[in-house]
Amino acid sequence: MSFEHMNGKQLADLIKDPSKALTLVDIRDRQSFDSGHIEGAFHVDNSSLPDFLRQADKLKPLVVYCYHGNSSQGAADYFNEMGFHEVYSLDGGYEDWKQGTETI
């Protein structure tokens, strides 16, 4: 099984549902993450990846995002290979998410 795609509306609906526990992973650079990220997201890069893999709950849905939704697809595939059961790549990435949430 491979990863699936998720759009910003689907993610917003999941985040609003308290019964749905999920893990958000931001793979952008640290400066971009520090400038703004989706609330509750983990910043994961090459140096933090081993710790994240040891501590993450692989049974929770995992949503990976980057800047525009391109790099997150490769990362989502990787997390799927690492044994996460339900993996999504956020279409449009953080930039689309940010634009969409500004209009809510």
PDB file of N, CA and C in Angstrom:
ATOM      1  N   MET A   1       0.848  -1.191   0.000  1.00  0.00           N
ATOM      2  CA  MET A   1       0.000   0.000   0.000  1.00  0.00           C
ATOM      3  C   MET A   1       0.883   1.240   0.000  1.00  0.00           C
ATOM      4  N   SER A   2       0.445   2.274  -0.689  1.00  0.00           N
ATOM      5  CA  SER A   2       1.222   3.507  -0.728  1.00  0.00           C
ATOM      6  C   SER A   2       0.443   4.634  -0.057  1.00  0.00           C
ATOM      7  N   PHE A   3       1.006   5.812  -0.092  1.00  0.00           N
ATOM      8  CA  PHE A   3       0.349   6.962   0.523  1.00  0.00           C
ATOM      9  C   PHE A   3      -0.824   7.436  -0.323  1.00  0.00           C
ATOM     10  N   GLU A   4      -1.662   8.264   0.286  1.00  0.00           N
ATOM     11  CA  GLU A   4      -2.785   8.866  -0.413  1.00  0.00           C
ATOM     12  C   GLU A   4      -2.628  10.383  -0.393  1.00  0.00           C
ATOM     13  N   HIS A   5      -3.430  11.050  -1.188  1.00  0.00           N
ATOM     14  CA  HIS A   5      -3.408  12.511  -1.231  1.00  0.00           C
ATOM     15  C   HIS A   5      -4.551  13.064  -0.385  1.00  0.00           C
ATOM     16  N   MET A   6      -4.313  14.242   0.176  1.00  0.00           N
ATOM     17  CA  MET A   6      -5.330  14.923   0.973  1.00  0.00           C
ATOM     18  C   MET A   6      -5.284  16.401   0.612  1.00  0.00           C
ATOM     19  N   ASN A   7      -6.450  17.009   0.472  1.00  0.00           N
ATOM     20  CA  ASN A   7      -6.461  18.442   0.207  1.00  0.00           C
ATOM     21  C   ASN A   7      -6.654  19.211   1.514  1.00  0.00           C
ATOM     22  N   GLY A   8      -6.525  20.517   1.446  1.00  0.00           N
ATOM     23  CA  GLY A   8      -6.603  21.350   2.634  1.00  0.00           C
ATOM     24  C   GLY A   8      -7.931  21.259   3.353  1.00  0.00           C
ATOM     25  N   LYS A   9      -9.023  21.148   2.625  1.00  0.00           N
ATOM     26  CA  LYS A   9     -10.348  21.044   3.254  1.00  0.00           C
ATOM     27  C   LYS A   9     -10.462  19.750   4.047  1.00  0.00           C
ATOM     28  N   GLN A  10      -9.985  18.655   3.454  1.00  0.00           N
ATOM     29  CA  GLN A  10     -10.023  17.368   4.167  1.00  0.00           C
ATOM     30  C   GLN A  10      -9.203  17.439   5.449  1.00  0.00           C
ATOM     31  N   LEU A  11      -8.031  18.075   5.374  1.00  0.00           N
ATOM     32  CA  LEU A  11      -7.198  18.202   6.561  1.00  0.00           C
ATOM     33  C   LEU A  11      -7.867  19.083   7.607  1.00  0.00           C
ATOM     34  N   ALA A  12      -8.444  20.193   7.177  1.00  0.00           N
ATOM     35  CA  ALA A  12      -9.134  21.083   8.119  1.00  0.00           C
ATOM     36  C   ALA A  12     -10.254  20.340   8.834  1.00  0.00           C
ATOM     37  N   ASP A  13     -11.000  19.522   8.098  1.00  0.00           N
ATOM     38  CA  ASP A  13     -12.081  18.743   8.704  1.00  0.00           C
ATOM     39  C   ASP A  13     -11.536  17.743   9.724  1.00  0.00           C
ATOM     40  N   LEU A  14     -10.414  17.095   9.403  1.00  0.00           N
ATOM     41  CA  LEU A  14      -9.808  16.149  10.337  1.00  0.00           C
ATOM     42  C   LEU A  14      -9.330  16.850  11.603  1.00  0.00           C
ATOM     43  N   ILE A  15      -8.700  18.006  11.432  1.00  0.00           N
ATOM     44  CA  ILE A  15      -8.178  18.747  12.581  1.00  0.00           C
ATOM     45  C   ILE A  15      -9.312  19.201  13.493  1.00  0.00           C
ATOM     46  N   LYS A  16     -10.440  19.563  12.916  1.00  0.00           N
ATOM     47  CA  LYS A  16     -11.580  20.045  13.708  1.00  0.00           C
ATOM     48  C   LYS A  16     -12.284  18.926  14.475  1.00  0.00           C
ATOM     49  N   ASP A  17     -12.080  17.688  14.059  1.00  0.00           N
ATOM     50  CA  ASP A  17     -12.750  16.545  14.681  1.00  0.00           C
ATOM     51  C   ASP A  17     -11.899  16.016  15.833  1.00  0.00           C
ATOM     52  N   PRO A  18     -12.311  16.278  17.086  1.00  0.00           N
ATOM     53  CA  PRO A  18     -11.503  15.857  18.225  1.00  0.00           C
ATOM     54  C   PRO A  18     -11.353  14.343  18.363  1.00  0.00           C
ATOM     55  N   SER A  19     -12.208  13.584  17.704  1.00  0.00           N
ATOM     56  CA  SER A  19     -12.108  12.130  17.802  1.00  0.00           C
ATOM     57  C   SER A  19     -11.045  11.565  16.847  1.00  0.00           C
ATOM     58  N   LYS A  20     -10.523  12.409  15.985  1.00  0.00           N
ATOM     59  CA  LYS A  20      -9.530  11.968  15.003  1.00  0.00           C
ATOM     60  C   LYS A  20      -8.142  12.429  15.416  1.00  0.00           C
ATOM     61  N   ALA A  21      -7.364  11.534  15.967  1.00  0.00           N
ATOM     62  CA  ALA A  21      -5.983  11.844  16.324  1.00  0.00           C
ATOM     63  C   ALA A  21      -5.115  11.630  15.085  1.00  0.00           C
ATOM     64  N   LEU A  22      -4.280  12.605  14.761  1.00  0.00           N
ATOM     65  CA  LEU A  22      -3.400  12.456  13.626  1.00  0.00           C
ATOM     66  C   LEU A  22      -2.054  13.086  13.926  1.00  0.00           C
ATOM     67  N   THR A  23      -1.075  12.748  13.123  1.00  0.00           N
ATOM     68  CA  THR A  23       0.268  13.301  13.241  1.00  0.00           C
ATOM     69  C   THR A  23       0.539  14.146  12.010  1.00  0.00           C
ATOM     70  N   LEU A  24       0.961  15.388  12.237  1.00  0.00           N
ATOM     71  CA  LEU A  24       1.321  16.294  11.149  1.00  0.00           C
ATOM     72  C   LEU A  24       2.833  16.422  11.097  1.00  0.00           C
ATOM     73  N   VAL A  25       3.397  16.273   9.910  1.00  0.00           N
ATOM     74  CA  VAL A  25       4.840  16.365   9.724  1.00  0.00           C
ATOM     75  C   VAL A  25       5.145  17.438   8.691  1.00  0.00           C
ATOM     76  N   ASP A  26       5.928  18.427   9.112  1.00  0.00           N
ATOM     77  CA  ASP A  26       6.369  19.530   8.257  1.00  0.00           C
ATOM     78  C   ASP A  26       7.811  19.257   7.859  1.00  0.00           C
ATOM     79  N   ILE A  27       8.061  19.100   6.561  1.00  0.00           N
ATOM     80  CA  ILE A  27       9.417  18.788   6.099  1.00  0.00           C
ATOM     81  C   ILE A  27      10.116  20.000   5.487  1.00  0.00           C
ATOM     82  N   ARG A  28       9.548  21.180   5.658  1.00  0.00           N
ATOM     83  CA  ARG A  28      10.206  22.389   5.152  1.00  0.00           C
ATOM     84  C   ARG A  28      11.436  22.701   6.009  1.00  0.00           C
ATOM     85  N   ASP A  29      12.220  23.674   5.602  1.00  0.00           N
ATOM     86  CA  ASP A  29      13.397  24.026   6.382  1.00  0.00           C
ATOM     87  C   ASP A  29      12.985  24.649   7.716  1.00  0.00           C
ATOM     88  N   ARG A  30      13.904  24.640   8.675  1.00  0.00           N
ATOM     89  CA  ARG A  30      13.615  25.101  10.038  1.00  0.00           C
ATOM     90  C   ARG A  30      13.138  26.553  10.064  1.00  0.00           C
ATOM     91  N   GLN A  31      13.749  27.418   9.281  1.00  0.00           N
ATOM     92  CA  GLN A  31      13.358  28.826   9.285  1.00  0.00           C
ATOM     93  C   GLN A  31      11.906  28.991   8.820  1.00  0.00           C
ATOM     94  N   SER A  32      11.518  28.271   7.792  1.00  0.00           N
ATOM     95  CA  SER A  32      10.130  28.342   7.315  1.00  0.00           C
ATOM     96  C   SER A  32       9.175  27.805   8.368  1.00  0.00           C
ATOM     97  N   PHE A  33       9.542  26.699   9.003  1.00  0.00           N
ATOM     98  CA  PHE A  33       8.712  26.127  10.063  1.00  0.00           C
ATOM     99  C   PHE A  33       8.547  27.134  11.199  1.00  0.00           C
ATOM    100  N   ASP A  34       9.646  27.753  11.609  1.00  0.00           N
ATOM    101  CA  ASP A  34       9.597  28.719  12.706  1.00  0.00           C
ATOM    102  C   ASP A  34       8.779  29.957  12.341  1.00  0.00           C
ATOM    103  N   SER A  35       8.725  30.288  11.067  1.00  0.00           N
ATOM    104  CA  SER A  35       7.941  31.449  10.613  1.00  0.00           C
ATOM    105  C   SER A  35       6.443  31.174  10.590  1.00  0.00           C
ATOM    106  N   GLY A  36       6.069  29.911  10.543  1.00  0.00           N
ATOM    107  CA  GLY A  36       4.658  29.530  10.536  1.00  0.00           C
ATOM    108  C   GLY A  36       4.484  28.087  10.108  1.00  0.00           C
ATOM    109  N   HIS A  37       3.606  27.395  10.799  1.00  0.00           N
ATOM    110  CA  HIS A  37       3.321  26.000  10.474  1.00  0.00           C
ATOM    111  C   HIS A  37       1.910  25.666  10.953  1.00  0.00           C
ATOM    112  N   ILE A  38       1.421  24.521  10.536  1.00  0.00           N
ATOM    113  CA  ILE A  38       0.112  24.064  10.980  1.00  0.00           C
ATOM    114  C   ILE A  38       0.239  23.667  12.452  1.00  0.00           C
ATOM    115  N   GLU A  39      -0.692  24.149  13.261  1.00  0.00           N
ATOM    116  CA  GLU A  39      -0.634  23.912  14.697  1.00  0.00           C
ATOM    117  C   GLU A  39      -0.515  22.425  15.010  1.00  0.00           C
ATOM    118  N   GLY A  40       0.436  22.103  15.862  1.00  0.00           N
ATOM    119  CA  GLY A  40       0.637  20.719  16.287  1.00  0.00           C
ATOM    120  C   GLY A  40       1.593  19.923  15.412  1.00  0.00           C
ATOM    121  N   ALA A  41       2.099  20.538  14.348  1.00  0.00           N
ATOM    122  CA  ALA A  41       2.987  19.818  13.431  1.00  0.00           C
ATOM    123  C   ALA A  41       4.372  19.611  14.037  1.00  0.00           C
ATOM    124  N   PHE A  42       4.983  18.512  13.666  1.00  0.00           N
ATOM    125  CA  PHE A  42       6.369  18.223  14.027  1.00  0.00           C
ATOM    126  C   PHE A  42       7.255  18.655  12.866  1.00  0.00           C
ATOM    127  N   HIS A  43       8.355  19.327  13.175  1.00  0.00           N
ATOM    128  CA  HIS A  43       9.334  19.631  12.135  1.00  0.00           C
ATOM    129  C   HIS A  43      10.264  18.433  12.033  1.00  0.00           C
ATOM    130  N   VAL A  44      10.298  17.810  10.870  1.00  0.00           N
ATOM    131  CA  VAL A  44      11.133  16.632  10.669  1.00  0.00           C
ATOM    132  C   VAL A  44      12.104  16.913   9.534  1.00  0.00           C
ATOM    133  N   ASP A  45      13.392  16.774   9.845  1.00  0.00           N
ATOM    134  CA  ASP A  45      14.436  16.875   8.832  1.00  0.00           C
ATOM    135  C   ASP A  45      15.391  15.704   9.037  1.00  0.00           C
ATOM    136  N   ASN A  46      16.477  15.679   8.302  1.00  0.00           N
ATOM    137  CA  ASN A  46      17.388  14.528   8.393  1.00  0.00           C
ATOM    138  C   ASN A  46      17.920  14.310   9.804  1.00  0.00           C
ATOM    139  N   SER A  47      18.141  15.390  10.546  1.00  0.00           N
ATOM    140  CA  SER A  47      18.701  15.223  11.892  1.00  0.00           C
ATOM    141  C   SER A  47      17.657  14.764  12.915  1.00  0.00           C
ATOM    142  N   SER A  48      16.396  15.140  12.743  1.00  0.00           N
ATOM    143  CA  SER A  48      15.362  14.758  13.711  1.00  0.00           C
ATOM    144  C   SER A  48      14.604  13.490  13.314  1.00  0.00           C
ATOM    145  N   LEU A  49      14.824  13.012  12.105  1.00  0.00           N
ATOM    146  CA  LEU A  49      14.083  11.847  11.602  1.00  0.00           C
ATOM    147  C   LEU A  49      14.234  10.600  12.470  1.00  0.00           C
ATOM    148  N   PRO A  50      15.452  10.209  12.877  1.00  0.00           N
ATOM    149  CA  PRO A  50      15.557   8.979  13.695  1.00  0.00           C
ATOM    150  C   PRO A  50      14.739   9.053  14.989  1.00  0.00           C
ATOM    151  N   ASP A  51      14.795  10.189  15.694  1.00  0.00           N
ATOM    152  CA  ASP A  51      14.011  10.333  16.923  1.00  0.00           C
ATOM    153  C   ASP A  51      12.519  10.291  16.634  1.00  0.00           C
ATOM    154  N   PHE A  52      12.111  10.960  15.560  1.00  0.00           N
ATOM    155  CA  PHE A  52      10.696  10.959  15.197  1.00  0.00           C
ATOM    156  C   PHE A  52      10.215   9.529  14.928  1.00  0.00           C
ATOM    157  N   LEU A  53      10.990   8.776  14.162  1.00  0.00           N
ATOM    158  CA  LEU A  53      10.590   7.404  13.828  1.00  0.00           C
ATOM    159  C   LEU A  53      10.482   6.528  15.071  1.00  0.00           C
ATOM    160  N   ARG A  54      11.351   6.737  16.048  1.00  0.00           N
ATOM    161  CA  ARG A  54      11.301   5.946  17.284  1.00  0.00           C
ATOM    162  C   ARG A  54      10.080   6.296  18.126  1.00  0.00           C
ATOM    163  N   GLN A  55       9.675   7.552  18.123  1.00  0.00           N
ATOM    164  CA  GLN A  55       8.635   8.011  19.041  1.00  0.00           C
ATOM    165  C   GLN A  55       7.226   8.074  18.444  1.00  0.00           C
ATOM    166  N   ALA A  56       7.115   8.140  17.147  1.00  0.00           N
ATOM    167  CA  ALA A  56       5.807   8.350  16.512  1.00  0.00           C
ATOM    168  C   ALA A  56       4.920   7.112  16.614  1.00  0.00           C
ATOM    169  N   ASP A  57       3.633   7.368  16.729  1.00  0.00           N
ATOM    170  CA  ASP A  57       2.633   6.303  16.746  1.00  0.00           C
ATOM    171  C   ASP A  57       2.303   5.951  15.298  1.00  0.00           C
ATOM    172  N   LYS A  58       2.742   4.804  14.857  1.00  0.00           N
ATOM    173  CA  LYS A  58       2.577   4.413  13.453  1.00  0.00           C
ATOM    174  C   LYS A  58       1.151   4.006  13.118  1.00  0.00           C
ATOM    175  N   LEU A  59       0.294   3.900  14.130  1.00  0.00           N
ATOM    176  CA  LEU A  59      -1.103   3.559  13.878  1.00  0.00           C
ATOM    177  C   LEU A  59      -1.968   4.792  13.621  1.00  0.00           C
ATOM    178  N   LYS A  60      -1.482   5.969  14.001  1.00  0.00           N
ATOM    179  CA  LYS A  60      -2.231   7.214  13.751  1.00  0.00           C
ATOM    180  C   LYS A  60      -2.051   7.634  12.296  1.00  0.00           C
ATOM    181  N   PRO A  61      -3.066   8.230  11.698  1.00  0.00           N
ATOM    182  CA  PRO A  61      -2.877   8.793  10.364  1.00  0.00           C
ATOM    183  C   PRO A  61      -1.769   9.850  10.405  1.00  0.00           C
ATOM    184  N   LEU A  62      -0.917   9.850   9.393  1.00  0.00           N
ATOM    185  CA  LEU A  62       0.194  10.784   9.309  1.00  0.00           C
ATOM    186  C   LEU A  62       0.031  11.621   8.043  1.00  0.00           C
ATOM    187  N   VAL A  63       0.067  12.939   8.192  1.00  0.00           N
ATOM    188  CA  VAL A  63      -0.051  13.853   7.056  1.00  0.00           C
ATOM    189  C   VAL A  63       1.263  14.602   6.925  1.00  0.00           C
ATOM    190  N   VAL A  64       1.900  14.485   5.771  1.00  0.00           N
ATOM    191  CA  VAL A  64       3.171  15.151   5.492  1.00  0.00           C
ATOM    192  C   VAL A  64       2.908  16.347   4.589  1.00  0.00           C
ATOM    193  N   TYR A  65       3.556  17.482   4.917  1.00  0.00           N
ATOM    194  CA  TYR A  65       3.453  18.624   4.014  1.00  0.00           C
ATOM    195  C   TYR A  65       4.790  19.322   3.856  1.00  0.00           C
ATOM    196  N   CYS A  66       4.915  19.981   2.709  1.00  0.00           N
ATOM    197  CA  CYS A  66       6.108  20.752   2.382  1.00  0.00           C
ATOM    198  C   CYS A  66       5.638  22.137   1.943  1.00  0.00           C
ATOM    199  N   TYR A  67       6.335  22.758   1.021  1.00  0.00           N
ATOM    200  CA  TYR A  67       5.955  24.094   0.554  1.00  0.00           C
ATOM    201  C   TYR A  67       4.726  24.057  -0.362  1.00  0.00           C
ATOM    202  N   HIS A  68       4.816  23.219  -1.408  1.00  0.00           N
ATOM    203  CA  HIS A  68       3.770  23.230  -2.442  1.00  0.00           C
ATOM    204  C   HIS A  68       3.167  21.862  -2.741  1.00  0.00           C
ATOM    205  N   GLY A  69       3.546  20.842  -1.980  1.00  0.00           N
ATOM    206  CA  GLY A  69       2.958  19.519  -2.172  1.00  0.00           C
ATOM    207  C   GLY A  69       3.732  18.598  -3.078  1.00  0.00           C
ATOM    208  N   ASN A  70       4.956  18.962  -3.435  1.00  0.00           N
ATOM    209  CA  ASN A  70       5.763  18.098  -4.297  1.00  0.00           C
ATOM    210  C   ASN A  70       6.683  17.186  -3.495  1.00  0.00           C
ATOM    211  N   SER A  71       7.562  17.768  -2.678  1.00  0.00           N
ATOM    212  CA  SER A  71       8.508  16.975  -1.884  1.00  0.00           C
ATOM    213  C   SER A  71       7.800  16.084  -0.881  1.00  0.00           C
ATOM    214  N   SER A  72       6.634  16.505  -0.430  1.00  0.00           N
ATOM    215  CA  SER A  72       5.907  15.713   0.566  1.00  0.00           C
ATOM    216  C   SER A  72       5.474  14.363   0.010  1.00  0.00           C
ATOM    217  N   GLN A  73       5.352  14.250  -1.289  1.00  0.00           N
ATOM    218  CA  GLN A  73       4.946  12.965  -1.862  1.00  0.00           C
ATOM    219  C   GLN A  73       6.032  11.911  -1.667  1.00  0.00           C
ATOM    220  N   GLY A  74       7.283  12.281  -1.898  1.00  0.00           N
ATOM    221  CA  GLY A  74       8.388  11.352  -1.664  1.00  0.00           C
ATOM    222  C   GLY A  74       8.519  11.014  -0.196  1.00  0.00           C
ATOM    223  N   ALA A  75       8.336  12.026   0.666  1.00  0.00           N
ATOM    224  CA  ALA A  75       8.417  11.791   2.111  1.00  0.00           C
ATOM    225  C   ALA A  75       7.278  10.889   2.563  1.00  0.00           C
ATOM    226  N   ALA A  76       6.084  11.097   2.031  1.00  0.00           N
ATOM    227  CA  ALA A  76       4.942  10.256   2.393  1.00  0.00           C
ATOM    228  C   ALA A  76       5.209   8.810   1.999  1.00  0.00           C
ATOM    229  N   ASP A  77       5.790   8.612   0.830  1.00  0.00           N
ATOM    230  CA  ASP A  77       6.134   7.271   0.385  1.00  0.00           C
ATOM    231  C   ASP A  77       7.144   6.641   1.350  1.00  0.00           C
ATOM    232  N   TYR A  78       8.119   7.430   1.782  1.00  0.00           N
ATOM    233  CA  TYR A  78       9.127   6.949   2.735  1.00  0.00           C
ATOM    234  C   TYR A  78       8.473   6.542   4.056  1.00  0.00           C
ATOM    235  N   PHE A  79       7.598   7.398   4.608  1.00  0.00           N
ATOM    236  CA  PHE A  79       6.947   7.071   5.874  1.00  0.00           C
ATOM    237  C   PHE A  79       6.091   5.817   5.731  1.00  0.00           C
ATOM    238  N   ASN A  80       5.478   5.655   4.595  1.00  0.00           N
ATOM    239  CA  ASN A  80       4.706   4.441   4.338  1.00  0.00           C
ATOM    240  C   ASN A  80       5.630   3.217   4.402  1.00  0.00           C
ATOM    241  N   GLU A  81       6.799   3.328   3.778  1.00  0.00           N
ATOM    242  CA  GLU A  81       7.758   2.219   3.795  1.00  0.00           C
ATOM    243  C   GLU A  81       8.283   1.945   5.207  1.00  0.00           C
ATOM    244  N   MET A  82       8.285   2.963   6.064  1.00  0.00           N
ATOM    245  CA  MET A  82       8.771   2.818   7.438  1.00  0.00           C
ATOM    246  C   MET A  82       7.713   2.218   8.371  1.00  0.00           C
ATOM    247  N   GLY A  83       6.546   1.847   7.817  1.00  0.00           N
ATOM    248  CA  GLY A  83       5.562   1.121   8.595  1.00  0.00           C
ATOM    249  C   GLY A  83       4.384   1.922   9.110  1.00  0.00           C
ATOM    250  N   PHE A  84       4.270   3.188   8.714  1.00  0.00           N
ATOM    251  CA  PHE A  84       3.080   3.945   9.107  1.00  0.00           C
ATOM    252  C   PHE A  84       1.896   3.400   8.319  1.00  0.00           C
ATOM    253  N   HIS A  85       0.768   3.223   8.996  1.00  0.00           N
ATOM    254  CA  HIS A  85      -0.369   2.517   8.400  1.00  0.00           C
ATOM    255  C   HIS A  85      -1.217   3.371   7.472  1.00  0.00           C
ATOM    256  N   GLU A  86      -1.301   4.660   7.739  1.00  0.00           N
ATOM    257  CA  GLU A  86      -2.180   5.541   6.964  1.00  0.00           C
ATOM    258  C   GLU A  86      -1.428   6.851   6.735  1.00  0.00           C
ATOM    259  N   VAL A  87      -0.908   7.039   5.513  1.00  0.00           N
ATOM    260  CA  VAL A  87      -0.041   8.177   5.213  1.00  0.00           C
ATOM    261  C   VAL A  87      -0.643   9.002   4.094  1.00  0.00           C
ATOM    262  N   TYR A  88      -0.600  10.332   4.287  1.00  0.00           N
ATOM    263  CA  TYR A  88      -1.139  11.272   3.303  1.00  0.00           C
ATOM    264  C   TYR A  88      -0.113  12.340   2.981  1.00  0.00           C
ATOM    265  N   SER A  89      -0.155  12.816   1.752  1.00  0.00           N
ATOM    266  CA  SER A  89       0.609  13.991   1.329  1.00  0.00           C
ATOM    267  C   SER A  89      -0.399  15.114   1.129  1.00  0.00           C
ATOM    268  N   LEU A  90      -0.108  16.281   1.702  1.00  0.00           N
ATOM    269  CA  LEU A  90      -1.020  17.416   1.589  1.00  0.00           C
ATOM    270  C   LEU A  90      -0.844  18.095   0.239  1.00  0.00           C
ATOM    271  N   ASP A  91      -1.846  17.980  -0.614  1.00  0.00           N
ATOM    272  CA  ASP A  91      -1.803  18.624  -1.924  1.00  0.00           C
ATOM    273  C   ASP A  91      -1.740  20.141  -1.757  1.00  0.00           C
ATOM    274  N   GLY A  92      -0.841  20.769  -2.485  1.00  0.00           N
ATOM    275  CA  GLY A  92      -0.694  22.221  -2.418  1.00  0.00           C
ATOM    276  C   GLY A  92       0.215  22.681  -1.295  1.00  0.00           C
ATOM    277  N   GLY A  93       0.538  21.793  -0.371  1.00  0.00           N
ATOM    278  CA  GLY A  93       1.468  22.097   0.701  1.00  0.00           C
ATOM    279  C   GLY A  93       1.020  23.202   1.633  1.00  0.00           C
ATOM    280  N   TYR A  94       1.984  23.713   2.384  1.00  0.00           N
ATOM    281  CA  TYR A  94       1.695  24.735   3.387  1.00  0.00           C
ATOM    282  C   TYR A  94       1.179  26.012   2.746  1.00  0.00           C
ATOM    283  N   GLU A  95       1.672  26.356   1.579  1.00  0.00           N
ATOM    284  CA  GLU A  95       1.256  27.613   0.943  1.00  0.00           C
ATOM    285  C   GLU A  95      -0.246  27.606   0.641  1.00  0.00           C
ATOM    286  N   ASP A  96      -0.755  26.522   0.096  1.00  0.00           N
ATOM    287  CA  ASP A  96      -2.202  26.434  -0.153  1.00  0.00           C
ATOM    288  C   ASP A  96      -2.976  26.390   1.159  1.00  0.00           C
ATOM    289  N   TRP A  97      -2.446  25.659   2.139  1.00  0.00           N
ATOM    290  CA  TRP A  97      -3.092  25.576   3.444  1.00  0.00           C
ATOM    291  C   TRP A  97      -3.227  26.973   4.043  1.00  0.00           C
ATOM    292  N   LYS A  98      -2.148  27.721   4.014  1.00  0.00           N
ATOM    293  CA  LYS A  98      -2.129  29.060   4.608  1.00  0.00           C
ATOM    294  C   LYS A  98      -3.149  29.964   3.915  1.00  0.00           C
ATOM    295  N   GLN A  99      -3.205  29.926   2.601  1.00  0.00           N
ATOM    296  CA  GLN A  99      -4.167  30.748   1.856  1.00  0.00           C
ATOM    297  C   GLN A  99      -5.585  30.328   2.176  1.00  0.00           C
ATOM    298  N   GLY A 100      -5.827  29.042   2.290  1.00  0.00           N
ATOM    299  CA  GLY A 100      -7.164  28.545   2.575  1.00  0.00           C
ATOM    300  C   GLY A 100      -7.640  28.895   3.966  1.00  0.00           C
ATOM    301  N   THR A 101      -6.720  28.859   4.949  1.00  0.00           N
ATOM    302  CA  THR A 101      -7.129  29.146   6.326  1.00  0.00           C
ATOM    303  C   THR A 101      -7.304  30.635   6.561  1.00  0.00           C
ATOM    304  N   GLU A 102      -6.692  31.472   5.732  1.00  0.00           N
ATOM    305  CA  GLU A 102      -6.867  32.914   5.887  1.00  0.00           C
ATOM    306  C   GLU A 102      -8.270  33.354   5.499  1.00  0.00           C
ATOM    307  N   THR A 103      -8.946  32.524   4.684  1.00  0.00           N
ATOM    308  CA  THR A 103     -10.293  32.889   4.245  1.00  0.00           C
ATOM    309  C   THR A 103     -11.375  32.279   5.130  1.00  0.00           C
ATOM    310  N   ILE A 104     -10.979  31.438   6.073  1.00  0.00           N
ATOM    311  CA  ILE A 104     -11.970  30.792   6.964  1.00  0.00           C
ATOM    312  C   ILE A 104     -12.395  31.757   8.044  1.00  0.00           C
TER     313      ILE A 104
END
